[in-house]
Amino acid sequence: MPRLPRRQLQILEALQDAYERTGTLPELTALARSFDITYPTLREHLKALEAKGKLSIETRGPGRSPIVTLKGGAYGIPLFGEIAAGIPVGAYPTPEGHLALRGRPDQFALRVRGASMADRIEDGDVVLLHRSEPQRSGEICAVRVGEDETTLKYLDWAPGSARPREYRLRPHNDAFPTLTVPAEEIHIDGVFRGLLRGDVVQELLLEGGE
């Protein structure tokens, strides 16, 4: 699948962000000004996005702005940099791009670094996650420990405890230690739902050239 040029991706993300915040799309002349481009240039970018199946444009006659409608899954799943499958590391940066997969606002992806989850999840894999709480002990989760350290581990707690006092962060690779952390120091960012491996990640990544 071809990647979106940088400006088209920026415009698509601006439309998505406005819709998620307000439930409406921005006025097109204001959108053009926000990118310091002319209205006709914006229209050309919108036509290109329409041709690629990201949105639809309904013209309304001379002197009237067209109606733009975003298509479901148009934005893909945001890829937020790296997460450690090893010793916890710093919190996620801003997205490096979007994966061309049908997604929802509560889904995101992270690139794995480290070997603590091998042979289940390998260094370099991209994991797909859902922003939710685990339904049972033993699910793989992306968690923050303290303020800004992040890691990907099995998340265990004592059976029968609805509100655990502490969690165990358990690796798949026995060469790594299991960490026990007080519940108040853990923030669960997402629950593992699948992974991508190899060249398919680069093929699905929507990012930039000019």
N, C-alpha and C. Protein backbone atom coordinates (compact mmCIF):
# COMPACT_ATOMS: atom_id res chain seq x y z
N MET A 1 0.85 -1.19 0.00
CA MET A 1 0.00 0.00 0.00
C MET A 1 0.88 1.23 0.00
N PRO A 2 0.67 2.22 -0.89
CA PRO A 2 1.51 3.40 -0.93
C PRO A 2 1.36 4.23 0.33
N ARG A 3 2.45 4.88 0.73
CA ARG A 3 2.39 5.75 1.89
C ARG A 3 1.77 7.08 1.50
N LEU A 4 1.17 7.73 2.48
CA LEU A 4 0.64 9.07 2.24
C LEU A 4 1.79 10.07 2.31
N PRO A 5 1.84 11.03 1.38
CA PRO A 5 2.78 12.13 1.54
C PRO A 5 2.55 12.85 2.86
N ARG A 6 3.60 13.48 3.35
CA ARG A 6 3.54 14.07 4.69
C ARG A 6 2.39 15.05 4.85
N ARG A 7 2.22 15.97 3.90
CA ARG A 7 1.17 16.97 4.03
C ARG A 7 -0.22 16.34 4.04
N GLN A 8 -0.44 15.33 3.20
CA GLN A 8 -1.74 14.66 3.20
C GLN A 8 -2.00 13.98 4.54
N LEU A 9 -0.97 13.36 5.11
CA LEU A 9 -1.15 12.71 6.41
C LEU A 9 -1.45 13.75 7.49
N GLN A 10 -0.77 14.90 7.43
CA GLN A 10 -1.03 15.95 8.41
C GLN A 10 -2.46 16.45 8.33
N ILE A 11 -2.95 16.64 7.10
CA ILE A 11 -4.33 17.11 6.91
C ILE A 11 -5.32 16.07 7.42
N LEU A 12 -5.07 14.80 7.10
CA LEU A 12 -5.95 13.73 7.56
C LEU A 12 -5.98 13.66 9.08
N GLU A 13 -4.80 13.80 9.72
CA GLU A 13 -4.74 13.75 11.18
C GLU A 13 -5.45 14.95 11.80
N ALA A 14 -5.35 16.13 11.16
CA ALA A 14 -6.04 17.31 11.67
C ALA A 14 -7.56 17.12 11.61
N LEU A 15 -8.04 16.53 10.52
CA LEU A 15 -9.47 16.25 10.40
C LEU A 15 -9.91 15.25 11.46
N GLN A 16 -9.11 14.20 11.65
CA GLN A 16 -9.44 13.19 12.66
C GLN A 16 -9.47 13.80 14.05
N ASP A 17 -8.45 14.59 14.38
CA ASP A 17 -8.37 15.18 15.71
C ASP A 17 -9.57 16.08 15.99
N ALA A 18 -9.94 16.91 15.01
CA ALA A 18 -11.09 17.80 15.20
C ALA A 18 -12.37 17.01 15.40
N TYR A 19 -12.52 15.93 14.63
CA TYR A 19 -13.74 15.14 14.74
C TYR A 19 -13.83 14.45 16.10
N GLU A 20 -12.68 13.92 16.58
CA GLU A 20 -12.68 13.23 17.87
C GLU A 20 -12.93 14.20 19.03
N ARG A 21 -12.47 15.47 18.89
CA ARG A 21 -12.64 16.45 19.98
C ARG A 21 -14.02 17.09 19.98
N THR A 22 -14.57 17.36 18.78
CA THR A 22 -15.79 18.16 18.69
C THR A 22 -16.96 17.45 18.03
N GLY A 23 -16.69 16.34 17.33
CA GLY A 23 -17.75 15.66 16.60
C GLY A 23 -18.06 16.29 15.26
N THR A 24 -17.30 17.32 14.88
CA THR A 24 -17.48 17.97 13.58
C THR A 24 -16.11 18.18 12.93
N LEU A 25 -16.11 18.47 11.63
CA LEU A 25 -14.87 18.76 10.93
C LEU A 25 -14.66 20.27 10.85
N PRO A 26 -13.41 20.72 10.79
CA PRO A 26 -13.15 22.16 10.75
C PRO A 26 -13.59 22.78 9.43
N GLU A 27 -13.84 24.08 9.46
CA GLU A 27 -14.16 24.81 8.24
C GLU A 27 -12.92 24.81 7.35
N LEU A 28 -13.09 24.55 6.06
CA LEU A 28 -11.95 24.27 5.20
C LEU A 28 -11.02 25.46 5.01
N THR A 29 -11.56 26.66 4.93
CA THR A 29 -10.67 27.82 4.79
C THR A 29 -9.80 27.99 6.03
N ALA A 30 -10.37 27.73 7.21
CA ALA A 30 -9.59 27.80 8.45
C ALA A 30 -8.53 26.70 8.47
N LEU A 31 -8.88 25.52 7.97
CA LEU A 31 -7.91 24.42 7.91
C LEU A 31 -6.75 24.79 6.99
N ALA A 32 -7.05 25.40 5.84
CA ALA A 32 -5.99 25.83 4.92
C ALA A 32 -5.07 26.84 5.60
N ARG A 33 -5.64 27.81 6.31
CA ARG A 33 -4.82 28.81 7.00
C ARG A 33 -3.93 28.17 8.06
N SER A 34 -4.44 27.15 8.74
CA SER A 34 -3.66 26.51 9.80
C SER A 34 -2.41 25.83 9.25
N PHE A 35 -2.44 25.44 7.98
CA PHE A 35 -1.26 24.83 7.35
C PHE A 35 -0.49 25.83 6.48
N ASP A 36 -0.95 27.09 6.47
CA ASP A 36 -0.31 28.14 5.68
C ASP A 36 -0.26 27.75 4.19
N ILE A 37 -1.38 27.21 3.71
CA ILE A 37 -1.51 26.88 2.30
C ILE A 37 -2.78 27.53 1.77
N THR A 38 -2.90 27.64 0.45
CA THR A 38 -4.09 28.24 -0.13
C THR A 38 -5.24 27.25 -0.12
N TYR A 39 -6.44 27.80 -0.22
CA TYR A 39 -7.63 26.95 -0.26
C TYR A 39 -7.59 25.99 -1.46
N PRO A 40 -7.23 26.47 -2.69
CA PRO A 40 -7.13 25.53 -3.81
C PRO A 40 -6.12 24.40 -3.57
N THR A 41 -5.01 24.73 -2.89
CA THR A 41 -4.02 23.68 -2.59
C THR A 41 -4.62 22.65 -1.63
N LEU A 42 -5.36 23.12 -0.62
CA LEU A 42 -6.03 22.19 0.28
C LEU A 42 -7.00 21.30 -0.48
N ARG A 43 -7.75 21.89 -1.40
CA ARG A 43 -8.70 21.09 -2.19
C ARG A 43 -7.99 20.00 -2.97
N GLU A 44 -6.81 20.30 -3.50
CA GLU A 44 -6.06 19.28 -4.23
C GLU A 44 -5.63 18.14 -3.31
N HIS A 45 -5.20 18.47 -2.10
CA HIS A 45 -4.84 17.42 -1.13
C HIS A 45 -6.06 16.58 -0.76
N LEU A 46 -7.21 17.23 -0.58
CA LEU A 46 -8.43 16.50 -0.24
C LEU A 46 -8.85 15.58 -1.38
N LYS A 47 -8.71 16.06 -2.62
CA LYS A 47 -9.04 15.20 -3.77
C LYS A 47 -8.12 13.98 -3.82
N ALA A 48 -6.84 14.19 -3.50
CA ALA A 48 -5.90 13.07 -3.49
C ALA A 48 -6.27 12.07 -2.40
N LEU A 49 -6.68 12.56 -1.23
CA LEU A 49 -7.10 11.67 -0.15
C LEU A 49 -8.38 10.93 -0.51
N GLU A 50 -9.26 11.60 -1.23
CA GLU A 50 -10.48 10.94 -1.69
C GLU A 50 -10.14 9.81 -2.66
N ALA A 51 -9.21 10.07 -3.57
CA ALA A 51 -8.81 9.04 -4.54
C ALA A 51 -8.18 7.83 -3.86
N LYS A 52 -7.59 8.04 -2.68
CA LYS A 52 -6.96 6.95 -1.94
C LYS A 52 -7.91 6.30 -0.95
N GLY A 53 -9.19 6.71 -0.97
CA GLY A 53 -10.19 6.06 -0.13
C GLY A 53 -10.21 6.50 1.31
N LYS A 54 -9.57 7.65 1.63
CA LYS A 54 -9.50 8.09 3.02
C LYS A 54 -10.70 8.95 3.43
N LEU A 55 -11.35 9.58 2.45
CA LEU A 55 -12.50 10.44 2.74
C LEU A 55 -13.33 10.58 1.48
N SER A 56 -14.48 11.20 1.61
CA SER A 56 -15.32 11.49 0.45
C SER A 56 -15.66 12.97 0.44
N ILE A 57 -15.85 13.52 -0.76
CA ILE A 57 -16.13 14.94 -0.94
C ILE A 57 -17.43 15.09 -1.71
N GLU A 58 -18.35 15.84 -1.15
CA GLU A 58 -19.63 16.12 -1.82
C GLU A 58 -19.68 17.61 -2.16
N THR A 59 -19.64 17.92 -3.45
CA THR A 59 -19.69 19.33 -3.87
C THR A 59 -21.11 19.87 -3.70
N ARG A 60 -21.18 21.21 -3.45
CA ARG A 60 -22.48 21.82 -3.18
C ARG A 60 -22.74 23.05 -4.05
N GLY A 61 -22.02 23.15 -5.15
CA GLY A 61 -22.29 24.26 -6.05
C GLY A 61 -21.33 25.42 -5.85
N PRO A 62 -21.34 26.39 -6.79
CA PRO A 62 -20.42 27.53 -6.75
C PRO A 62 -20.56 28.34 -5.46
N GLY A 63 -19.40 28.72 -4.89
CA GLY A 63 -19.40 29.58 -3.72
C GLY A 63 -19.68 28.87 -2.41
N ARG A 64 -19.89 27.57 -2.43
CA ARG A 64 -20.18 26.84 -1.20
C ARG A 64 -19.09 25.78 -0.97
N SER A 65 -18.64 25.68 0.27
CA SER A 65 -17.62 24.68 0.60
C SER A 65 -18.19 23.28 0.46
N PRO A 66 -17.39 22.33 -0.01
CA PRO A 66 -17.88 20.96 -0.12
C PRO A 66 -18.05 20.32 1.26
N ILE A 67 -18.82 19.25 1.29
CA ILE A 67 -18.97 18.46 2.52
C ILE A 67 -17.95 17.33 2.49
N VAL A 68 -17.09 17.28 3.50
CA VAL A 68 -16.06 16.25 3.60
C VAL A 68 -16.50 15.24 4.65
N THR A 69 -16.42 13.96 4.31
CA THR A 69 -16.79 12.89 5.23
C THR A 69 -15.61 11.93 5.36
N LEU A 70 -15.17 11.70 6.59
CA LEU A 70 -14.09 10.74 6.82
C LEU A 70 -14.64 9.33 6.74
N LYS A 71 -13.86 8.44 6.16
CA LYS A 71 -14.28 7.04 6.05
C LYS A 71 -13.75 6.25 7.24
N GLY A 72 -14.53 5.26 7.68
CA GLY A 72 -14.14 4.43 8.81
C GLY A 72 -12.80 3.78 8.59
N GLY A 73 -11.92 3.86 9.61
CA GLY A 73 -10.61 3.25 9.52
C GLY A 73 -9.65 4.00 8.64
N ALA A 74 -10.00 5.24 8.24
CA ALA A 74 -9.15 5.97 7.31
C ALA A 74 -7.81 6.31 7.92
N TYR A 75 -7.76 6.51 9.23
CA TYR A 75 -6.55 7.04 9.82
C TYR A 75 -5.56 5.93 10.17
N GLY A 76 -6.03 4.72 10.33
CA GLY A 76 -5.16 3.65 10.74
C GLY A 76 -4.90 3.67 12.24
N ILE A 77 -3.94 2.87 12.66
CA ILE A 77 -3.60 2.72 14.07
C ILE A 77 -2.28 3.44 14.33
N PRO A 78 -2.23 4.38 15.29
CA PRO A 78 -1.00 5.12 15.54
C PRO A 78 0.09 4.23 16.12
N LEU A 79 1.32 4.40 15.61
CA LEU A 79 2.48 3.67 16.10
C LEU A 79 3.30 4.62 16.96
N PHE A 80 3.29 4.38 18.29
CA PHE A 80 3.91 5.29 19.25
C PHE A 80 5.31 4.82 19.65
N GLY A 81 6.21 4.71 18.70
CA GLY A 81 7.59 4.43 19.06
C GLY A 81 7.78 3.08 19.71
N GLU A 82 8.66 3.03 20.73
CA GLU A 82 9.13 1.75 21.27
C GLU A 82 8.67 1.51 22.71
N ILE A 83 8.56 0.23 23.04
CA ILE A 83 8.34 -0.19 24.42
C ILE A 83 9.33 -1.30 24.73
N ALA A 84 9.80 -1.33 25.98
CA ALA A 84 10.80 -2.32 26.37
C ALA A 84 10.16 -3.66 26.66
N ALA A 85 10.73 -4.71 26.07
CA ALA A 85 10.47 -6.07 26.54
C ALA A 85 11.77 -6.49 27.22
N GLY A 86 12.01 -5.90 28.35
CA GLY A 86 13.24 -6.05 29.10
C GLY A 86 13.13 -5.17 30.32
N ILE A 87 14.13 -4.36 30.58
CA ILE A 87 14.08 -3.42 31.70
C ILE A 87 13.22 -2.23 31.30
N PRO A 88 12.33 -1.74 32.17
CA PRO A 88 11.47 -0.61 31.81
C PRO A 88 12.27 0.60 31.32
N VAL A 89 11.73 1.28 30.30
CA VAL A 89 12.38 2.46 29.72
C VAL A 89 11.39 3.61 29.70
N GLY A 90 11.82 4.77 29.18
CA GLY A 90 11.01 5.99 29.18
C GLY A 90 9.70 5.86 28.45
N ALA A 91 8.74 6.75 28.79
CA ALA A 91 7.38 6.71 28.24
C ALA A 91 7.39 6.99 26.75
N TYR A 92 6.28 6.65 26.10
CA TYR A 92 6.17 6.70 24.65
C TYR A 92 6.29 8.13 24.13
N PRO A 93 6.95 8.32 22.98
CA PRO A 93 6.98 9.63 22.35
C PRO A 93 5.72 9.86 21.53
N THR A 94 5.72 10.92 20.72
CA THR A 94 4.61 11.15 19.81
C THR A 94 4.62 10.10 18.71
N PRO A 95 3.52 9.88 17.99
CA PRO A 95 3.48 8.83 16.97
C PRO A 95 4.52 9.03 15.89
N GLU A 96 5.14 7.95 15.46
CA GLU A 96 6.06 8.02 14.33
C GLU A 96 5.32 7.80 13.01
N GLY A 97 4.06 7.45 13.07
CA GLY A 97 3.25 7.23 11.87
C GLY A 97 2.00 6.46 12.24
N HIS A 98 1.26 6.06 11.21
CA HIS A 98 0.05 5.25 11.40
C HIS A 98 0.16 3.99 10.56
N LEU A 99 -0.36 2.90 11.07
CA LEU A 99 -0.40 1.64 10.33
C LEU A 99 -1.71 1.58 9.56
N ALA A 100 -1.62 1.20 8.30
CA ALA A 100 -2.80 1.17 7.43
C ALA A 100 -3.65 -0.05 7.74
N LEU A 101 -4.24 -0.03 8.92
CA LEU A 101 -5.16 -1.07 9.38
C LEU A 101 -6.42 -0.39 9.88
N ARG A 102 -7.55 -1.06 9.75
CA ARG A 102 -8.78 -0.50 10.30
C ARG A 102 -8.64 -0.40 11.81
N GLY A 103 -8.78 0.80 12.32
CA GLY A 103 -8.59 1.00 13.74
C GLY A 103 -9.68 1.84 14.35
N ARG A 104 -9.65 1.89 15.68
CA ARG A 104 -10.56 2.74 16.45
C ARG A 104 -9.71 3.66 17.31
N PRO A 105 -10.30 4.73 17.84
CA PRO A 105 -9.51 5.66 18.65
C PRO A 105 -8.86 5.02 19.88
N ASP A 106 -9.37 3.88 20.35
CA ASP A 106 -8.82 3.25 21.55
C ASP A 106 -7.79 2.16 21.21
N GLN A 107 -7.28 2.16 19.99
CA GLN A 107 -6.24 1.21 19.60
C GLN A 107 -4.94 1.94 19.28
N PHE A 108 -3.82 1.31 19.58
CA PHE A 108 -2.52 1.89 19.24
C PHE A 108 -1.50 0.76 19.11
N ALA A 109 -0.32 1.11 18.63
CA ALA A 109 0.73 0.11 18.40
C ALA A 109 2.05 0.61 18.96
N LEU A 110 2.91 -0.34 19.36
CA LEU A 110 4.23 -0.03 19.87
C LEU A 110 5.24 -1.00 19.28
N ARG A 111 6.44 -0.50 19.04
CA ARG A 111 7.53 -1.35 18.54
C ARG A 111 8.30 -1.91 19.73
N VAL A 112 8.52 -3.22 19.74
CA VAL A 112 9.13 -3.89 20.88
C VAL A 112 10.65 -3.86 20.78
N ARG A 113 11.31 -3.54 21.89
CA ARG A 113 12.76 -3.63 22.00
C ARG A 113 13.11 -4.48 23.21
N GLY A 114 13.93 -5.51 23.00
CA GLY A 114 14.33 -6.37 24.10
C GLY A 114 13.86 -7.80 23.90
N ALA A 115 14.33 -8.69 24.77
CA ALA A 115 14.10 -10.13 24.59
C ALA A 115 13.33 -10.76 25.74
N SER A 116 12.74 -9.97 26.63
CA SER A 116 12.10 -10.59 27.79
C SER A 116 10.83 -11.36 27.43
N MET A 117 10.23 -11.08 26.25
CA MET A 117 9.01 -11.79 25.84
C MET A 117 9.28 -12.83 24.75
N ALA A 118 10.54 -13.01 24.34
CA ALA A 118 10.88 -14.08 23.39
C ALA A 118 10.62 -15.42 24.10
N ASP A 119 10.13 -16.39 23.46
CA ASP A 119 9.82 -16.68 22.08
C ASP A 119 8.37 -16.35 21.70
N ARG A 120 7.68 -15.56 22.45
CA ARG A 120 6.31 -15.18 22.14
C ARG A 120 6.28 -13.91 21.30
N ILE A 121 7.00 -12.90 21.76
CA ILE A 121 7.10 -11.62 21.06
C ILE A 121 8.58 -11.30 20.92
N GLU A 122 9.03 -11.05 19.69
CA GLU A 122 10.45 -10.89 19.43
C GLU A 122 10.85 -9.42 19.34
N ASP A 123 12.14 -9.17 19.56
CA ASP A 123 12.69 -7.83 19.39
C ASP A 123 12.41 -7.34 17.97
N GLY A 124 11.84 -6.14 17.84
CA GLY A 124 11.50 -5.59 16.53
C GLY A 124 10.07 -5.80 16.11
N ASP A 125 9.34 -6.70 16.76
CA ASP A 125 7.91 -6.87 16.45
C ASP A 125 7.15 -5.60 16.80
N VAL A 126 6.01 -5.40 16.15
CA VAL A 126 5.10 -4.32 16.51
C VAL A 126 3.86 -4.95 17.14
N VAL A 127 3.56 -4.55 18.37
CA VAL A 127 2.40 -5.10 19.07
C VAL A 127 1.21 -4.16 18.94
N LEU A 128 0.03 -4.73 18.74
CA LEU A 128 -1.22 -3.99 18.65
C LEU A 128 -1.91 -4.08 19.99
N LEU A 129 -2.34 -2.93 20.51
CA LEU A 129 -2.90 -2.87 21.86
C LEU A 129 -4.23 -2.13 21.89
N HIS A 130 -5.03 -2.47 22.89
CA HIS A 130 -6.34 -1.85 23.10
C HIS A 130 -6.31 -1.13 24.44
N ARG A 131 -6.70 0.15 24.44
CA ARG A 131 -6.71 0.92 25.69
C ARG A 131 -7.85 0.43 26.58
N SER A 132 -7.54 -0.49 27.46
CA SER A 132 -8.55 -1.07 28.34
C SER A 132 -7.84 -1.73 29.52
N GLU A 133 -8.62 -2.21 30.46
CA GLU A 133 -8.09 -2.96 31.59
C GLU A 133 -8.13 -4.45 31.26
N PRO A 134 -7.15 -5.23 31.72
CA PRO A 134 -7.19 -6.67 31.48
C PRO A 134 -8.38 -7.30 32.21
N GLN A 135 -8.97 -8.31 31.59
CA GLN A 135 -10.13 -8.98 32.17
C GLN A 135 -9.74 -10.12 33.11
N ARG A 136 -8.49 -10.55 33.03
CA ARG A 136 -8.05 -11.66 33.86
C ARG A 136 -6.55 -11.54 34.11
N SER A 137 -6.09 -12.16 35.17
CA SER A 137 -4.66 -12.22 35.45
C SER A 137 -3.95 -13.00 34.35
N GLY A 138 -2.75 -12.56 34.00
CA GLY A 138 -1.94 -13.29 33.03
C GLY A 138 -2.00 -12.75 31.61
N GLU A 139 -2.75 -11.66 31.38
CA GLU A 139 -2.77 -11.07 30.04
C GLU A 139 -1.51 -10.24 29.82
N ILE A 140 -1.08 -10.13 28.55
CA ILE A 140 0.06 -9.29 28.21
C ILE A 140 -0.41 -7.84 28.14
N CYS A 141 0.30 -6.96 28.84
CA CYS A 141 -0.11 -5.56 28.90
C CYS A 141 1.09 -4.63 28.73
N ALA A 142 0.81 -3.46 28.16
CA ALA A 142 1.78 -2.36 28.18
C ALA A 142 1.48 -1.55 29.43
N VAL A 143 2.48 -1.43 30.30
CA VAL A 143 2.25 -0.74 31.57
C VAL A 143 3.32 0.32 31.79
N ARG A 144 2.93 1.34 32.54
CA ARG A 144 3.87 2.34 33.03
C ARG A 144 4.12 2.07 34.51
N VAL A 145 5.39 2.06 34.87
CA VAL A 145 5.80 1.85 36.25
C VAL A 145 6.28 3.20 36.78
N GLY A 146 5.60 3.73 37.80
CA GLY A 146 5.93 5.07 38.25
C GLY A 146 5.45 6.10 37.25
N GLU A 147 6.23 7.16 37.06
CA GLU A 147 5.79 8.26 36.21
C GLU A 147 6.00 8.00 34.73
N ASP A 148 7.15 7.43 34.35
CA ASP A 148 7.45 7.41 32.93
C ASP A 148 8.21 6.19 32.43
N GLU A 149 8.34 5.13 33.24
CA GLU A 149 8.99 3.92 32.76
C GLU A 149 7.94 2.98 32.19
N THR A 150 8.21 2.39 31.03
CA THR A 150 7.23 1.54 30.36
C THR A 150 7.82 0.16 30.08
N THR A 151 6.94 -0.84 30.07
CA THR A 151 7.39 -2.19 29.77
C THR A 151 6.21 -3.04 29.29
N LEU A 152 6.52 -4.11 28.58
CA LEU A 152 5.52 -5.06 28.08
C LEU A 152 5.74 -6.39 28.77
N LYS A 153 4.75 -6.85 29.53
CA LYS A 153 4.90 -8.07 30.31
C LYS A 153 3.53 -8.74 30.51
N TYR A 154 3.56 -10.01 30.92
CA TYR A 154 2.36 -10.62 31.50
C TYR A 154 2.06 -9.89 32.80
N LEU A 155 0.80 -9.57 33.02
CA LEU A 155 0.41 -8.86 34.24
C LEU A 155 -0.37 -9.83 35.12
N ASP A 156 0.23 -10.23 36.23
CA ASP A 156 -0.37 -11.21 37.14
C ASP A 156 -0.80 -10.54 38.45
N TRP A 157 -1.85 -11.08 39.05
CA TRP A 157 -2.22 -10.68 40.40
C TRP A 157 -2.86 -11.87 41.11
N ALA A 158 -3.03 -11.75 42.41
CA ALA A 158 -3.53 -12.87 43.22
C ALA A 158 -4.95 -13.23 42.81
N PRO A 159 -5.26 -14.54 42.67
CA PRO A 159 -6.62 -14.96 42.30
C PRO A 159 -7.65 -14.46 43.29
N GLY A 160 -8.81 -14.05 42.76
CA GLY A 160 -9.92 -13.64 43.61
C GLY A 160 -9.85 -12.23 44.14
N SER A 161 -8.80 -11.47 43.77
CA SER A 161 -8.68 -10.10 44.27
C SER A 161 -9.14 -9.13 43.19
N ALA A 162 -10.29 -8.49 43.42
CA ALA A 162 -10.84 -7.56 42.43
C ALA A 162 -9.95 -6.33 42.30
N ARG A 163 -9.39 -5.87 43.42
CA ARG A 163 -8.50 -4.71 43.41
C ARG A 163 -7.15 -5.14 43.99
N PRO A 164 -6.24 -5.59 43.13
CA PRO A 164 -4.96 -6.10 43.63
C PRO A 164 -4.18 -5.03 44.38
N ARG A 165 -3.47 -5.45 45.41
CA ARG A 165 -2.58 -4.53 46.14
C ARG A 165 -1.23 -4.45 45.45
N GLU A 166 -0.89 -5.48 44.68
CA GLU A 166 0.35 -5.46 43.93
C GLU A 166 0.22 -6.32 42.68
N TYR A 167 1.05 -6.02 41.70
CA TYR A 167 1.08 -6.77 40.45
C TYR A 167 2.44 -7.43 40.28
N ARG A 168 2.44 -8.54 39.54
CA ARG A 168 3.69 -9.15 39.12
C ARG A 168 3.84 -8.92 37.62
N LEU A 169 4.97 -8.37 37.22
CA LEU A 169 5.30 -8.18 35.81
C LEU A 169 6.19 -9.34 35.39
N ARG A 170 5.59 -10.29 34.66
CA ARG A 170 6.25 -11.57 34.39
C ARG A 170 6.70 -11.66 32.94
N PRO A 171 7.97 -11.96 32.68
CA PRO A 171 8.45 -12.12 31.31
C PRO A 171 8.10 -13.49 30.76
N HIS A 172 8.16 -13.63 29.44
CA HIS A 172 8.01 -14.95 28.82
C HIS A 172 9.35 -15.68 28.83
N ASN A 173 10.43 -14.92 28.78
CA ASN A 173 11.79 -15.45 28.75
C ASN A 173 12.28 -15.62 30.19
N ASP A 174 12.57 -16.87 30.58
CA ASP A 174 12.96 -17.15 31.96
C ASP A 174 14.31 -16.53 32.35
N ALA A 175 15.06 -16.03 31.37
CA ALA A 175 16.34 -15.40 31.68
C ALA A 175 16.16 -14.02 32.32
N PHE A 176 14.93 -13.51 32.29
CA PHE A 176 14.63 -12.20 32.87
C PHE A 176 13.86 -12.38 34.17
N PRO A 177 14.03 -11.44 35.11
CA PRO A 177 13.35 -11.56 36.41
C PRO A 177 11.89 -11.14 36.34
N THR A 178 11.09 -11.68 37.25
CA THR A 178 9.73 -11.19 37.47
C THR A 178 9.79 -10.06 38.49
N LEU A 179 9.10 -8.95 38.18
CA LEU A 179 9.09 -7.79 39.07
C LEU A 179 7.77 -7.73 39.81
N THR A 180 7.81 -7.46 41.10
CA THR A 180 6.60 -7.24 41.89
C THR A 180 6.52 -5.76 42.22
N VAL A 181 5.37 -5.15 41.85
CA VAL A 181 5.24 -3.69 41.95
C VAL A 181 3.92 -3.36 42.65
N PRO A 182 3.91 -2.43 43.62
CA PRO A 182 2.65 -2.03 44.26
C PRO A 182 1.66 -1.51 43.22
N ALA A 183 0.39 -1.80 43.43
CA ALA A 183 -0.64 -1.44 42.46
C ALA A 183 -0.68 0.06 42.20
N GLU A 184 -0.41 0.88 43.22
CA GLU A 184 -0.49 2.32 43.03
C GLU A 184 0.63 2.87 42.15
N GLU A 185 1.64 2.05 41.87
CA GLU A 185 2.74 2.49 41.01
C GLU A 185 2.58 2.01 39.57
N ILE A 186 1.48 1.32 39.28
CA ILE A 186 1.25 0.75 37.95
C ILE A 186 0.11 1.48 37.25
N HIS A 187 0.35 1.87 35.99
CA HIS A 187 -0.72 2.38 35.13
C HIS A 187 -0.77 1.50 33.89
N ILE A 188 -1.93 0.90 33.63
CA ILE A 188 -2.08 0.00 32.48
C ILE A 188 -2.49 0.82 31.27
N ASP A 189 -1.60 0.89 30.28
CA ASP A 189 -1.87 1.68 29.08
C ASP A 189 -2.66 0.90 28.03
N GLY A 190 -2.46 -0.41 27.95
CA GLY A 190 -3.16 -1.18 26.93
C GLY A 190 -2.97 -2.67 27.10
N VAL A 191 -3.88 -3.42 26.50
CA VAL A 191 -3.87 -4.88 26.56
C VAL A 191 -3.52 -5.41 25.17
N PHE A 192 -2.62 -6.38 25.13
CA PHE A 192 -2.14 -6.97 23.88
C PHE A 192 -3.27 -7.62 23.10
N ARG A 193 -3.33 -7.31 21.79
CA ARG A 193 -4.36 -7.90 20.93
C ARG A 193 -3.80 -8.54 19.67
N GLY A 194 -2.50 -8.42 19.43
CA GLY A 194 -1.92 -9.03 18.24
C GLY A 194 -0.57 -8.41 17.94
N LEU A 195 0.09 -8.93 16.89
CA LEU A 195 1.40 -8.38 16.54
C LEU A 195 1.64 -8.45 15.04
N LEU A 196 2.58 -7.63 14.60
CA LEU A 196 3.06 -7.62 13.22
C LEU A 196 4.55 -7.90 13.26
N ARG A 197 5.03 -8.65 12.26
CA ARG A 197 6.45 -9.04 12.26
C ARG A 197 7.01 -8.92 10.85
N GLY A 198 8.24 -8.45 10.76
CA GLY A 198 8.93 -8.45 9.47
C GLY A 198 8.56 -7.27 8.57
N ASP A 199 8.68 -7.50 7.25
CA ASP A 199 8.52 -6.43 6.27
C ASP A 199 7.11 -5.86 6.23
N VAL A 200 6.12 -6.59 6.73
CA VAL A 200 4.74 -6.11 6.67
C VAL A 200 4.58 -4.80 7.43
N VAL A 201 5.39 -4.58 8.47
CA VAL A 201 5.27 -3.33 9.24
C VAL A 201 5.59 -2.14 8.35
N GLN A 202 6.71 -2.20 7.62
CA GLN A 202 7.09 -1.09 6.76
C GLN A 202 6.09 -0.89 5.63
N GLU A 203 5.53 -1.99 5.14
CA GLU A 203 4.54 -1.89 4.07
C GLU A 203 3.26 -1.20 4.53
N LEU A 204 2.92 -1.35 5.81
CA LEU A 204 1.68 -0.79 6.34
C LEU A 204 1.86 0.61 6.92
N LEU A 205 3.11 1.05 7.08
CA LEU A 205 3.36 2.31 7.77
C LEU A 205 3.05 3.49 6.86
N LEU A 206 2.12 4.33 7.31
CA LEU A 206 1.77 5.56 6.60
C LEU A 206 2.59 6.68 7.21
N GLU A 207 3.56 7.17 6.47
CA GLU A 207 4.36 8.27 6.95
C GLU A 207 4.87 9.03 5.77
N GLY A 208 5.65 10.02 6.15
CA GLY A 208 6.05 10.75 5.21
C GLY A 208 6.73 11.07 4.13
N GLY A 209 7.01 10.89 2.98
CA GLY A 209 7.73 11.71 2.05
C GLY A 209 6.98 12.89 1.59
N GLU A 210 7.64 13.70 0.83
CA GLU A 210 6.99 14.91 0.32
C GLU A 210 6.06 14.54 -0.83
